[in-house]
Amino acid sequence: MAGDLRIPHFIGMHALRVLPILVIVLEFLSQRMPCLAFPQVRLRLVRVAVVTYVATLSILTWQELAGQSIVSPAGPILAAGAAVAVATVIAAVTAIMAPERELVRDH
């Protein structure tokens, strides 16, 4: 018995809105936050967001196909969601804290 596949569909379709808005916000913040002044950092953050979105969409699809409720994941699905959350934070911090010798300012 499968769950409601409208939820992963909803999340996937909103990537079409969220990811371009993220790019716009990062560009806007790059004028105000020195850690975002490098285009490579902003690109890495967008890549982290894309991978996180794909992983989240995959986990939600898996959860719905397993027939689990969206509000109460259990077992390996819960563990996978936690792993994605931790990996996202680590990847975002790593993207921002990259050595400056690899980066070139775009200003």
PDB file of N, CA and C in Angstrom:
ATOM      1  N   MET A   1       0.839  -1.172   0.000  1.00  0.00           N
ATOM      2  CA  MET A   1       0.000   0.000   0.000  1.00  0.00           C
ATOM      3  C   MET A   1       0.891   1.244   0.000  1.00  0.00           C
ATOM      4  N   ALA A   2       0.708   2.117  -0.942  1.00  0.00           N
ATOM      5  CA  ALA A   2       1.507   3.330  -1.058  1.00  0.00           C
ATOM      6  C   ALA A   2       0.762   4.505  -0.450  1.00  0.00           C
ATOM      7  N   GLY A   3       1.535   5.518  -0.111  1.00  0.00           N
ATOM      8  CA  GLY A   3       0.968   6.741   0.447  1.00  0.00           C
ATOM      9  C   GLY A   3       0.577   7.715  -0.644  1.00  0.00           C
ATOM     10  N   ASP A   4       0.521   8.953  -0.270  1.00  0.00           N
ATOM     11  CA  ASP A   4       0.087  10.024  -1.157  1.00  0.00           C
ATOM     12  C   ASP A   4       1.294  10.608  -1.888  1.00  0.00           C
ATOM     13  N   LEU A   5       1.425  10.315  -3.164  1.00  0.00           N
ATOM     14  CA  LEU A   5       2.576  10.795  -3.940  1.00  0.00           C
ATOM     15  C   LEU A   5       2.466  12.266  -4.325  1.00  0.00           C
ATOM     16  N   ARG A   6       1.383  12.916  -3.917  1.00  0.00           N
ATOM     17  CA  ARG A   6       1.279  14.355  -4.184  1.00  0.00           C
ATOM     18  C   ARG A   6       2.294  15.148  -3.367  1.00  0.00           C
ATOM     19  N   ILE A   7       2.699  14.609  -2.230  1.00  0.00           N
ATOM     20  CA  ILE A   7       3.651  15.331  -1.368  1.00  0.00           C
ATOM     21  C   ILE A   7       5.025  15.445  -2.029  1.00  0.00           C
ATOM     22  N   PRO A   8       5.636  14.335  -2.488  1.00  0.00           N
ATOM     23  CA  PRO A   8       6.918  14.495  -3.199  1.00  0.00           C
ATOM     24  C   PRO A   8       6.767  15.327  -4.478  1.00  0.00           C
ATOM     25  N   HIS A   9       5.630  15.195  -5.145  1.00  0.00           N
ATOM     26  CA  HIS A   9       5.389  16.001  -6.338  1.00  0.00           C
ATOM     27  C   HIS A   9       5.371  17.487  -5.987  1.00  0.00           C
ATOM     28  N   PHE A  10       4.705  17.834  -4.904  1.00  0.00           N
ATOM     29  CA  PHE A  10       4.642  19.218  -4.424  1.00  0.00           C
ATOM     30  C   PHE A  10       6.044  19.748  -4.141  1.00  0.00           C
ATOM     31  N   ILE A  11       6.844  18.964  -3.418  1.00  0.00           N
ATOM     32  CA  ILE A  11       8.204  19.384  -3.066  1.00  0.00           C
ATOM     33  C   ILE A  11       9.059  19.533  -4.329  1.00  0.00           C
ATOM     34  N   GLY A  12       8.961  18.573  -5.237  1.00  0.00           N
ATOM     35  CA  GLY A  12       9.739  18.637  -6.466  1.00  0.00           C
ATOM     36  C   GLY A  12       9.381  19.821  -7.340  1.00  0.00           C
ATOM     37  N   MET A  13       8.102  20.104  -7.452  1.00  0.00           N
ATOM     38  CA  MET A  13       7.673  21.240  -8.280  1.00  0.00           C
ATOM     39  C   MET A  13       8.104  22.574  -7.670  1.00  0.00           C
ATOM     40  N   HIS A  14       8.180  22.640  -6.346  1.00  0.00           N
ATOM     41  CA  HIS A  14       8.597  23.885  -5.725  1.00  0.00           C
ATOM     42  C   HIS A  14      10.092  24.143  -5.852  1.00  0.00           C
ATOM     43  N   ALA A  15      10.849  23.137  -6.249  1.00  0.00           N
ATOM     44  CA  ALA A  15      12.270  23.366  -6.538  1.00  0.00           C
ATOM     45  C   ALA A  15      12.418  24.368  -7.670  1.00  0.00           C
ATOM     46  N   LEU A  16      11.447  24.374  -8.568  1.00  0.00           N
ATOM     47  CA  LEU A  16      11.476  25.321  -9.694  1.00  0.00           C
ATOM     48  C   LEU A  16      11.372  26.764  -9.220  1.00  0.00           C
ATOM     49  N   ARG A  17      10.851  26.965  -8.022  1.00  0.00           N
ATOM     50  CA  ARG A  17      10.736  28.307  -7.464  1.00  0.00           C
ATOM     51  C   ARG A  17      11.824  28.579  -6.430  1.00  0.00           C
ATOM     52  N   VAL A  18      12.081  27.594  -5.579  1.00  0.00           N
ATOM     53  CA  VAL A  18      12.990  27.795  -4.450  1.00  0.00           C
ATOM     54  C   VAL A  18      14.431  27.997  -4.909  1.00  0.00           C
ATOM     55  N   LEU A  19      14.905  27.201  -5.834  1.00  0.00           N
ATOM     56  CA  LEU A  19      16.310  27.283  -6.235  1.00  0.00           C
ATOM     57  C   LEU A  19      16.657  28.605  -6.937  1.00  0.00           C
ATOM     58  N   PRO A  20      15.850  29.099  -7.871  1.00  0.00           N
ATOM     59  CA  PRO A  20      16.162  30.419  -8.433  1.00  0.00           C
ATOM     60  C   PRO A  20      16.076  31.543  -7.394  1.00  0.00           C
ATOM     61  N   ILE A  21      15.136  31.430  -6.462  1.00  0.00           N
ATOM     62  CA  ILE A  21      15.046  32.443  -5.402  1.00  0.00           C
ATOM     63  C   ILE A  21      16.291  32.391  -4.531  1.00  0.00           C
ATOM     64  N   LEU A  22      16.798  31.189  -4.262  1.00  0.00           N
ATOM     65  CA  LEU A  22      18.030  31.055  -3.494  1.00  0.00           C
ATOM     66  C   LEU A  22      19.186  31.773  -4.185  1.00  0.00           C
ATOM     67  N   VAL A  23      19.298  31.621  -5.491  1.00  0.00           N
ATOM     68  CA  VAL A  23      20.367  32.285  -6.244  1.00  0.00           C
ATOM     69  C   VAL A  23      20.236  33.798  -6.108  1.00  0.00           C
ATOM     70  N   ILE A  24      19.024  34.308  -6.241  1.00  0.00           N
ATOM     71  CA  ILE A  24      18.791  35.753  -6.121  1.00  0.00           C
ATOM     72  C   ILE A  24      19.149  36.245  -4.721  1.00  0.00           C
ATOM     73  N   VAL A  25      18.736  35.516  -3.700  1.00  0.00           N
ATOM     74  CA  VAL A  25      19.035  35.902  -2.314  1.00  0.00           C
ATOM     75  C   VAL A  25      20.539  35.877  -2.052  1.00  0.00           C
ATOM     76  N   LEU A  26      21.217  34.850  -2.541  1.00  0.00           N
ATOM     77  CA  LEU A  26      22.671  34.785  -2.350  1.00  0.00           C
ATOM     78  C   LEU A  26      23.381  35.933  -3.050  1.00  0.00           C
ATOM     79  N   GLU A  27      22.931  36.292  -4.237  1.00  0.00           N
ATOM     80  CA  GLU A  27      23.519  37.441  -4.942  1.00  0.00           C
ATOM     81  C   GLU A  27      23.294  38.728  -4.158  1.00  0.00           C
ATOM     82  N   PHE A  28      22.103  38.905  -3.639  1.00  0.00           N
ATOM     83  CA  PHE A  28      21.777  40.087  -2.841  1.00  0.00           C
ATOM     84  C   PHE A  28      22.641  40.133  -1.576  1.00  0.00           C
ATOM     85  N   LEU A  29      22.747  39.008  -0.890  1.00  0.00           N
ATOM     86  CA  LEU A  29      23.529  38.957   0.346  1.00  0.00           C
ATOM     87  C   LEU A  29      25.024  39.078   0.105  1.00  0.00           C
ATOM     88  N   SER A  30      25.484  38.766  -1.095  1.00  0.00           N
ATOM     89  CA  SER A  30      26.920  38.836  -1.380  1.00  0.00           C
ATOM     90  C   SER A  30      27.445  40.260  -1.268  1.00  0.00           C
ATOM     91  N   GLN A  31      26.564  41.245  -1.413  1.00  0.00           N
ATOM     92  CA  GLN A  31      26.972  42.644  -1.271  1.00  0.00           C
ATOM     93  C   GLN A  31      27.120  43.035   0.198  1.00  0.00           C
ATOM     94  N   ARG A  32      26.512  42.263   1.086  1.00  0.00           N
ATOM     95  CA  ARG A  32      26.470  42.622   2.502  1.00  0.00           C
ATOM     96  C   ARG A  32      27.252  41.677   3.403  1.00  0.00           C
ATOM     97  N   MET A  33      27.518  40.476   2.927  1.00  0.00           N
ATOM     98  CA  MET A  33      28.206  39.477   3.752  1.00  0.00           C
ATOM     99  C   MET A  33      29.522  39.080   3.073  1.00  0.00           C
ATOM    100  N   PRO A  34      30.641  39.391   3.693  1.00  0.00           N
ATOM    101  CA  PRO A  34      31.939  39.084   3.075  1.00  0.00           C
ATOM    102  C   PRO A  34      32.143  37.600   2.744  1.00  0.00           C
ATOM    103  N   CYS A  35      31.563  36.708   3.530  1.00  0.00           N
ATOM    104  CA  CYS A  35      31.764  35.277   3.266  1.00  0.00           C
ATOM    105  C   CYS A  35      31.081  34.836   1.973  1.00  0.00           C
ATOM    106  N   LEU A  36      30.150  35.636   1.450  1.00  0.00           N
ATOM    107  CA  LEU A  36      29.464  35.304   0.199  1.00  0.00           C
ATOM    108  C   LEU A  36      29.975  36.126  -0.988  1.00  0.00           C
ATOM    109  N   ALA A  37      31.048  36.876  -0.770  1.00  0.00           N
ATOM    110  CA  ALA A  37      31.571  37.745  -1.830  1.00  0.00           C
ATOM    111  C   ALA A  37      32.159  36.956  -2.993  1.00  0.00           C
ATOM    112  N   PHE A  38      32.563  35.725  -2.738  1.00  0.00           N
ATOM    113  CA  PHE A  38      33.177  34.913  -3.781  1.00  0.00           C
ATOM    114  C   PHE A  38      32.111  34.139  -4.549  1.00  0.00           C
ATOM    115  N   PRO A  39      32.110  34.215  -5.885  1.00  0.00           N
ATOM    116  CA  PRO A  39      31.095  33.488  -6.659  1.00  0.00           C
ATOM    117  C   PRO A  39      31.190  31.971  -6.480  1.00  0.00           C
ATOM    118  N   GLN A  40      32.408  31.465  -6.225  1.00  0.00           N
ATOM    119  CA  GLN A  40      32.565  30.035  -6.022  1.00  0.00           C
ATOM    120  C   GLN A  40      31.822  29.561  -4.768  1.00  0.00           C
ATOM    121  N   VAL A  41      31.799  30.389  -3.734  1.00  0.00           N
ATOM    122  CA  VAL A  41      31.089  30.041  -2.501  1.00  0.00           C
ATOM    123  C   VAL A  41      29.592  29.985  -2.776  1.00  0.00           C
ATOM    124  N   ARG A  42      29.093  30.967  -3.487  1.00  0.00           N
ATOM    125  CA  ARG A  42      27.660  30.980  -3.812  1.00  0.00           C
ATOM    126  C   ARG A  42      27.295  29.778  -4.677  1.00  0.00           C
ATOM    127  N   LEU A  43      28.152  29.436  -5.635  1.00  0.00           N
ATOM    128  CA  LEU A  43      27.896  28.274  -6.485  1.00  0.00           C
ATOM    129  C   LEU A  43      27.883  26.991  -5.650  1.00  0.00           C
ATOM    130  N   ARG A  44      28.828  26.868  -4.730  1.00  0.00           N
ATOM    131  CA  ARG A  44      28.849  25.680  -3.863  1.00  0.00           C
ATOM    132  C   ARG A  44      27.582  25.589  -3.027  1.00  0.00           C
ATOM    133  N   LEU A  45      27.108  26.720  -2.509  1.00  0.00           N
ATOM    134  CA  LEU A  45      25.887  26.709  -1.701  1.00  0.00           C
ATOM    135  C   LEU A  45      24.670  26.310  -2.534  1.00  0.00           C
ATOM    136  N   VAL A  46      24.625  26.749  -3.777  1.00  0.00           N
ATOM    137  CA  VAL A  46      23.524  26.351  -4.658  1.00  0.00           C
ATOM    138  C   VAL A  46      23.616  24.853  -4.939  1.00  0.00           C
ATOM    139  N   ARG A  47      24.810  24.353  -5.152  1.00  0.00           N
ATOM    140  CA  ARG A  47      24.982  22.910  -5.374  1.00  0.00           C
ATOM    141  C   ARG A  47      24.536  22.111  -4.151  1.00  0.00           C
ATOM    142  N   VAL A  48      24.879  22.594  -2.968  1.00  0.00           N
ATOM    143  CA  VAL A  48      24.430  21.929  -1.735  1.00  0.00           C
ATOM    144  C   VAL A  48      22.907  21.913  -1.686  1.00  0.00           C
ATOM    145  N   ALA A  49      22.289  23.034  -2.035  1.00  0.00           N
ATOM    146  CA  ALA A  49      20.830  23.107  -2.019  1.00  0.00           C
ATOM    147  C   ALA A  49      20.210  22.127  -3.018  1.00  0.00           C
ATOM    148  N   VAL A  50      20.792  22.023  -4.206  1.00  0.00           N
ATOM    149  CA  VAL A  50      20.263  21.105  -5.222  1.00  0.00           C
ATOM    150  C   VAL A  50      20.373  19.652  -4.747  1.00  0.00           C
ATOM    151  N   VAL A  51      21.531  19.279  -4.225  1.00  0.00           N
ATOM    152  CA  VAL A  51      21.718  17.902  -3.748  1.00  0.00           C
ATOM    153  C   VAL A  51      20.775  17.620  -2.578  1.00  0.00           C
ATOM    154  N   THR A  52      20.615  18.583  -1.688  1.00  0.00           N
ATOM    155  CA  THR A  52      19.695  18.414  -0.558  1.00  0.00           C
ATOM    156  C   THR A  52      18.265  18.247  -1.048  1.00  0.00           C
ATOM    157  N   TYR A  53      17.889  19.037  -2.025  1.00  0.00           N
ATOM    158  CA  TYR A  53      16.537  18.935  -2.585  1.00  0.00           C
ATOM    159  C   TYR A  53      16.309  17.553  -3.201  1.00  0.00           C
ATOM    160  N   VAL A  54      17.276  17.068  -3.963  1.00  0.00           N
ATOM    161  CA  VAL A  54      17.149  15.749  -4.593  1.00  0.00           C
ATOM    162  C   VAL A  54      17.073  14.654  -3.532  1.00  0.00           C
ATOM    163  N   ALA A  55      17.912  14.754  -2.511  1.00  0.00           N
ATOM    164  CA  ALA A  55      17.902  13.750  -1.441  1.00  0.00           C
ATOM    165  C   ALA A  55      16.575  13.775  -0.681  1.00  0.00           C
ATOM    166  N   THR A  56      16.092  14.972  -0.382  1.00  0.00           N
ATOM    167  CA  THR A  56      14.813  15.098   0.325  1.00  0.00           C
ATOM    168  C   THR A  56      13.672  14.550  -0.505  1.00  0.00           C
ATOM    169  N   LEU A  57      13.669  14.867  -1.779  1.00  0.00           N
ATOM    170  CA  LEU A  57      12.636  14.359  -2.675  1.00  0.00           C
ATOM    171  C   LEU A  57      12.685  12.831  -2.758  1.00  0.00           C
ATOM    172  N   SER A  58      13.880  12.280  -2.807  1.00  0.00           N
ATOM    173  CA  SER A  58      14.029  10.820  -2.851  1.00  0.00           C
ATOM    174  C   SER A  58      13.512  10.171  -1.573  1.00  0.00           C
ATOM    175  N   ILE A  59      13.857  10.749  -0.443  1.00  0.00           N
ATOM    176  CA  ILE A  59      13.400  10.196   0.837  1.00  0.00           C
ATOM    177  C   ILE A  59      11.886  10.298   0.958  1.00  0.00           C
ATOM    178  N   LEU A  60      11.311  11.429   0.556  1.00  0.00           N
ATOM    179  CA  LEU A  60       9.853  11.577   0.625  1.00  0.00           C
ATOM    180  C   LEU A  60       9.145  10.579  -0.298  1.00  0.00           C
ATOM    181  N   THR A  61       9.695  10.367  -1.467  1.00  0.00           N
ATOM    182  CA  THR A  61       9.096   9.391  -2.383  1.00  0.00           C
ATOM    183  C   THR A  61       9.181   7.982  -1.784  1.00  0.00           C
ATOM    184  N   TRP A  62      10.319   7.642  -1.233  1.00  0.00           N
ATOM    185  CA  TRP A  62      10.510   6.349  -0.570  1.00  0.00           C
ATOM    186  C   TRP A  62       9.506   6.196   0.572  1.00  0.00           C
ATOM    187  N   GLN A  63       9.364   7.240   1.360  1.00  0.00           N
ATOM    188  CA  GLN A  63       8.435   7.210   2.493  1.00  0.00           C
ATOM    189  C   GLN A  63       6.997   6.989   2.031  1.00  0.00           C
ATOM    190  N   GLU A  64       6.602   7.686   0.998  1.00  0.00           N
ATOM    191  CA  GLU A  64       5.231   7.548   0.506  1.00  0.00           C
ATOM    192  C   GLU A  64       5.006   6.176  -0.129  1.00  0.00           C
ATOM    193  N   LEU A  65       5.976   5.670  -0.861  1.00  0.00           N
ATOM    194  CA  LEU A  65       5.836   4.342  -1.453  1.00  0.00           C
ATOM    195  C   LEU A  65       5.805   3.248  -0.388  1.00  0.00           C
ATOM    196  N   ALA A  66       6.429   3.528   0.771  1.00  0.00           N
ATOM    197  CA  ALA A  66       6.396   2.577   1.883  1.00  0.00           C
ATOM    198  C   ALA A  66       5.089   2.687   2.675  1.00  0.00           C
ATOM    199  N   GLY A  67       4.279   3.689   2.356  1.00  0.00           N
ATOM    200  CA  GLY A  67       2.996   3.851   3.035  1.00  0.00           C
ATOM    201  C   GLY A  67       3.080   4.521   4.387  1.00  0.00           C
ATOM    202  N   GLN A  68       4.198   5.180   4.671  1.00  0.00           N
ATOM    203  CA  GLN A  68       4.336   5.874   5.946  1.00  0.00           C
ATOM    204  C   GLN A  68       3.711   7.263   5.888  1.00  0.00           C
ATOM    205  N   SER A  69       3.241   7.719   7.034  1.00  0.00           N
ATOM    206  CA  SER A  69       2.687   9.064   7.135  1.00  0.00           C
ATOM    207  C   SER A  69       3.807  10.089   6.999  1.00  0.00           C
ATOM    208  N   ILE A  70       3.499  11.209   6.392  1.00  0.00           N
ATOM    209  CA  ILE A  70       4.492  12.266   6.221  1.00  0.00           C
ATOM    210  C   ILE A  70       4.922  12.853   7.561  1.00  0.00           C
ATOM    211  N   VAL A  71       4.046  12.830   8.548  1.00  0.00           N
ATOM    212  CA  VAL A  71       4.353  13.451   9.836  1.00  0.00           C
ATOM    213  C   VAL A  71       4.982  12.494  10.840  1.00  0.00           C
ATOM    214  N   SER A  72       5.055  11.208  10.508  1.00  0.00           N
ATOM    215  CA  SER A  72       5.669  10.270  11.456  1.00  0.00           C
ATOM    216  C   SER A  72       6.515   9.227  10.729  1.00  0.00           C
ATOM    217  N   PRO A  73       7.673   9.671  10.205  1.00  0.00           N
ATOM    218  CA  PRO A  73       8.566   8.702   9.555  1.00  0.00           C
ATOM    219  C   PRO A  73       9.158   7.764  10.603  1.00  0.00           C
ATOM    220  N   ALA A  74       9.511   6.574  10.172  1.00  0.00           N
ATOM    221  CA  ALA A  74      10.063   5.598  11.116  1.00  0.00           C
ATOM    222  C   ALA A  74      11.218   4.834  10.471  1.00  0.00           C
ATOM    223  N   GLY A  75      12.042   4.255  11.313  1.00  0.00           N
ATOM    224  CA  GLY A  75      13.105   3.359  10.870  1.00  0.00           C
ATOM    225  C   GLY A  75      14.129   3.994   9.963  1.00  0.00           C
ATOM    226  N   PRO A  76      14.459   3.299   8.879  1.00  0.00           N
ATOM    227  CA  PRO A  76      15.518   3.772   7.988  1.00  0.00           C
ATOM    228  C   PRO A  76      15.175   5.096   7.307  1.00  0.00           C
ATOM    229  N   ILE A  77      13.897   5.358   7.115  1.00  0.00           N
ATOM    230  CA  ILE A  77      13.510   6.621   6.484  1.00  0.00           C
ATOM    231  C   ILE A  77      13.825   7.787   7.415  1.00  0.00           C
ATOM    232  N   LEU A  78      13.557   7.624   8.677  1.00  0.00           N
ATOM    233  CA  LEU A  78      13.885   8.652   9.667  1.00  0.00           C
ATOM    234  C   LEU A  78      15.399   8.852   9.748  1.00  0.00           C
ATOM    235  N   ALA A  79      16.135   7.763   9.744  1.00  0.00           N
ATOM    236  CA  ALA A  79      17.598   7.844   9.794  1.00  0.00           C
ATOM    237  C   ALA A  79      18.150   8.532   8.545  1.00  0.00           C
ATOM    238  N   ALA A  80      17.583   8.223   7.385  1.00  0.00           N
ATOM    239  CA  ALA A  80      18.038   8.856   6.139  1.00  0.00           C
ATOM    240  C   ALA A  80      17.761  10.353   6.167  1.00  0.00           C
ATOM    241  N   GLY A  81      16.607  10.739   6.675  1.00  0.00           N
ATOM    242  CA  GLY A  81      16.283  12.167   6.789  1.00  0.00           C
ATOM    243  C   GLY A  81      17.238  12.888   7.718  1.00  0.00           C
ATOM    244  N   ALA A  82      17.557  12.270   8.839  1.00  0.00           N
ATOM    245  CA  ALA A  82      18.514  12.872   9.770  1.00  0.00           C
ATOM    246  C   ALA A  82      19.901  12.972   9.132  1.00  0.00           C
ATOM    247  N   ALA A  83      20.295  11.947   8.395  1.00  0.00           N
ATOM    248  CA  ALA A  83      21.603  11.958   7.724  1.00  0.00           C
ATOM    249  C   ALA A  83      21.679  13.077   6.691  1.00  0.00           C
ATOM    250  N   VAL A  84      20.600  13.280   5.954  1.00  0.00           N
ATOM    251  CA  VAL A  84      20.570  14.363   4.964  1.00  0.00           C
ATOM    252  C   VAL A  84      20.677  15.720   5.660  1.00  0.00           C
ATOM    253  N   ALA A  85      19.980  15.887   6.766  1.00  0.00           N
ATOM    254  CA  ALA A  85      20.034  17.154   7.505  1.00  0.00           C
ATOM    255  C   ALA A  85      21.450  17.443   8.000  1.00  0.00           C
ATOM    256  N   VAL A  86      22.094  16.450   8.590  1.00  0.00           N
ATOM    257  CA  VAL A  86      23.457  16.630   9.105  1.00  0.00           C
ATOM    258  C   VAL A  86      24.426  16.886   7.950  1.00  0.00           C
ATOM    259  N   ALA A  87      24.315  16.118   6.885  1.00  0.00           N
ATOM    260  CA  ALA A  87      25.206  16.294   5.732  1.00  0.00           C
ATOM    261  C   ALA A  87      25.035  17.669   5.099  1.00  0.00           C
ATOM    262  N   THR A  88      23.805  18.172   5.078  1.00  0.00           N
ATOM    263  CA  THR A  88      23.554  19.498   4.503  1.00  0.00           C
ATOM    264  C   THR A  88      24.250  20.585   5.309  1.00  0.00           C
ATOM    265  N   VAL A  89      24.138  20.508   6.619  1.00  0.00           N
ATOM    266  CA  VAL A  89      24.791  21.509   7.471  1.00  0.00           C
ATOM    267  C   VAL A  89      26.305  21.449   7.288  1.00  0.00           C
ATOM    268  N   ILE A  90      26.869  20.247   7.294  1.00  0.00           N
ATOM    269  CA  ILE A  90      28.314  20.100   7.120  1.00  0.00           C
ATOM    270  C   ILE A  90      28.758  20.629   5.757  1.00  0.00           C
ATOM    271  N   ALA A  91      28.016  20.297   4.706  1.00  0.00           N
ATOM    272  CA  ALA A  91      28.379  20.745   3.360  1.00  0.00           C
ATOM    273  C   ALA A  91      28.272  22.263   3.224  1.00  0.00           C
ATOM    274  N   ALA A  92      27.249  22.862   3.816  1.00  0.00           N
ATOM    275  CA  ALA A  92      27.087  24.316   3.729  1.00  0.00           C
ATOM    276  C   ALA A  92      28.215  25.036   4.474  1.00  0.00           C
ATOM    277  N   VAL A  93      28.549  24.556   5.651  1.00  0.00           N
ATOM    278  CA  VAL A  93      29.647  25.171   6.414  1.00  0.00           C
ATOM    279  C   VAL A  93      30.961  24.997   5.664  1.00  0.00           C
ATOM    280  N   THR A  94      31.181  23.835   5.101  1.00  0.00           N
ATOM    281  CA  THR A  94      32.397  23.594   4.323  1.00  0.00           C
ATOM    282  C   THR A  94      32.457  24.503   3.103  1.00  0.00           C
ATOM    283  N   ALA A  95      31.331  24.701   2.438  1.00  0.00           N
ATOM    284  CA  ALA A  95      31.292  25.572   1.260  1.00  0.00           C
ATOM    285  C   ALA A  95      31.654  27.011   1.614  1.00  0.00           C
ATOM    286  N   ILE A  96      31.222  27.447   2.771  1.00  0.00           N
ATOM    287  CA  ILE A  96      31.488  28.833   3.188  1.00  0.00           C
ATOM    288  C   ILE A  96      32.911  28.989   3.704  1.00  0.00           C
ATOM    289  N   MET A  97      33.427  27.973   4.370  1.00  0.00           N
ATOM    290  CA  MET A  97      34.734  28.078   5.019  1.00  0.00           C
ATOM    291  C   MET A  97      35.893  27.608   4.128  1.00  0.00           C
ATOM    292  N   ALA A  98      35.693  27.508   2.843  1.00  0.00           N
ATOM    293  CA  ALA A  98      36.746  27.042   1.929  1.00  0.00           C
ATOM    294  C   ALA A  98      37.971  27.963   2.013  1.00  0.00           C
ATOM    295  N   PRO A  99      39.139  27.411   1.784  1.00  0.00           N
ATOM    296  CA  PRO A  99      40.344  28.250   1.806  1.00  0.00           C
ATOM    297  C   PRO A  99      40.253  29.376   0.770  1.00  0.00           C
ATOM    298  N   GLU A 100      40.651  30.554   1.167  1.00  0.00           N
ATOM    299  CA  GLU A 100      40.536  31.716   0.279  1.00  0.00           C
ATOM    300  C   GLU A 100      41.495  31.661  -0.905  1.00  0.00           C
ATOM    301  N   ARG A 101      42.546  30.888  -0.818  1.00  0.00           N
ATOM    302  CA  ARG A 101      43.501  30.823  -1.918  1.00  0.00           C
ATOM    303  C   ARG A 101      42.858  30.221  -3.176  1.00  0.00           C
ATOM    304  N   GLU A 102      41.785  29.444  -3.009  1.00  0.00           N
ATOM    305  CA  GLU A 102      41.098  28.846  -4.157  1.00  0.00           C
ATOM    306  C   GLU A 102      40.048  29.778  -4.768  1.00  0.00           C
ATOM    307  N   LEU A 103      39.786  30.877  -4.081  1.00  0.00           N
ATOM    308  CA  LEU A 103      38.672  31.723  -4.480  1.00  0.00           C
ATOM    309  C   LEU A 103      39.158  33.010  -5.131  1.00  0.00           C
ATOM    310  N   VAL A 104      38.350  33.513  -6.039  1.00  0.00           N
ATOM    311  CA  VAL A 104      38.644  34.766  -6.728  1.00  0.00           C
ATOM    312  C   VAL A 104      37.431  35.674  -6.568  1.00  0.00           C
ATOM    313  N   ARG A 105      37.679  36.879  -6.113  1.00  0.00           N
ATOM    314  CA  ARG A 105      36.575  37.838  -5.959  1.00  0.00           C
ATOM    315  C   ARG A 105      36.042  38.251  -7.328  1.00  0.00           C
ATOM    316  N   ASP A 106      34.738  38.504  -7.376  1.00  0.00           N
ATOM    317  CA  ASP A 106      34.139  38.945  -8.643  1.00  0.00           C
ATOM    318  C   ASP A 106      33.907  40.443  -8.661  1.00  0.00           C
ATOM    319  N   HIS A 107      34.449  41.158  -7.698  1.00  0.00           N
ATOM    320  CA  HIS A 107      34.236  42.612  -7.632  1.00  0.00           C
ATOM    321  C   HIS A 107      35.419  43.351  -8.203  1.00  0.00           C
TER     322      HIS A 107
END
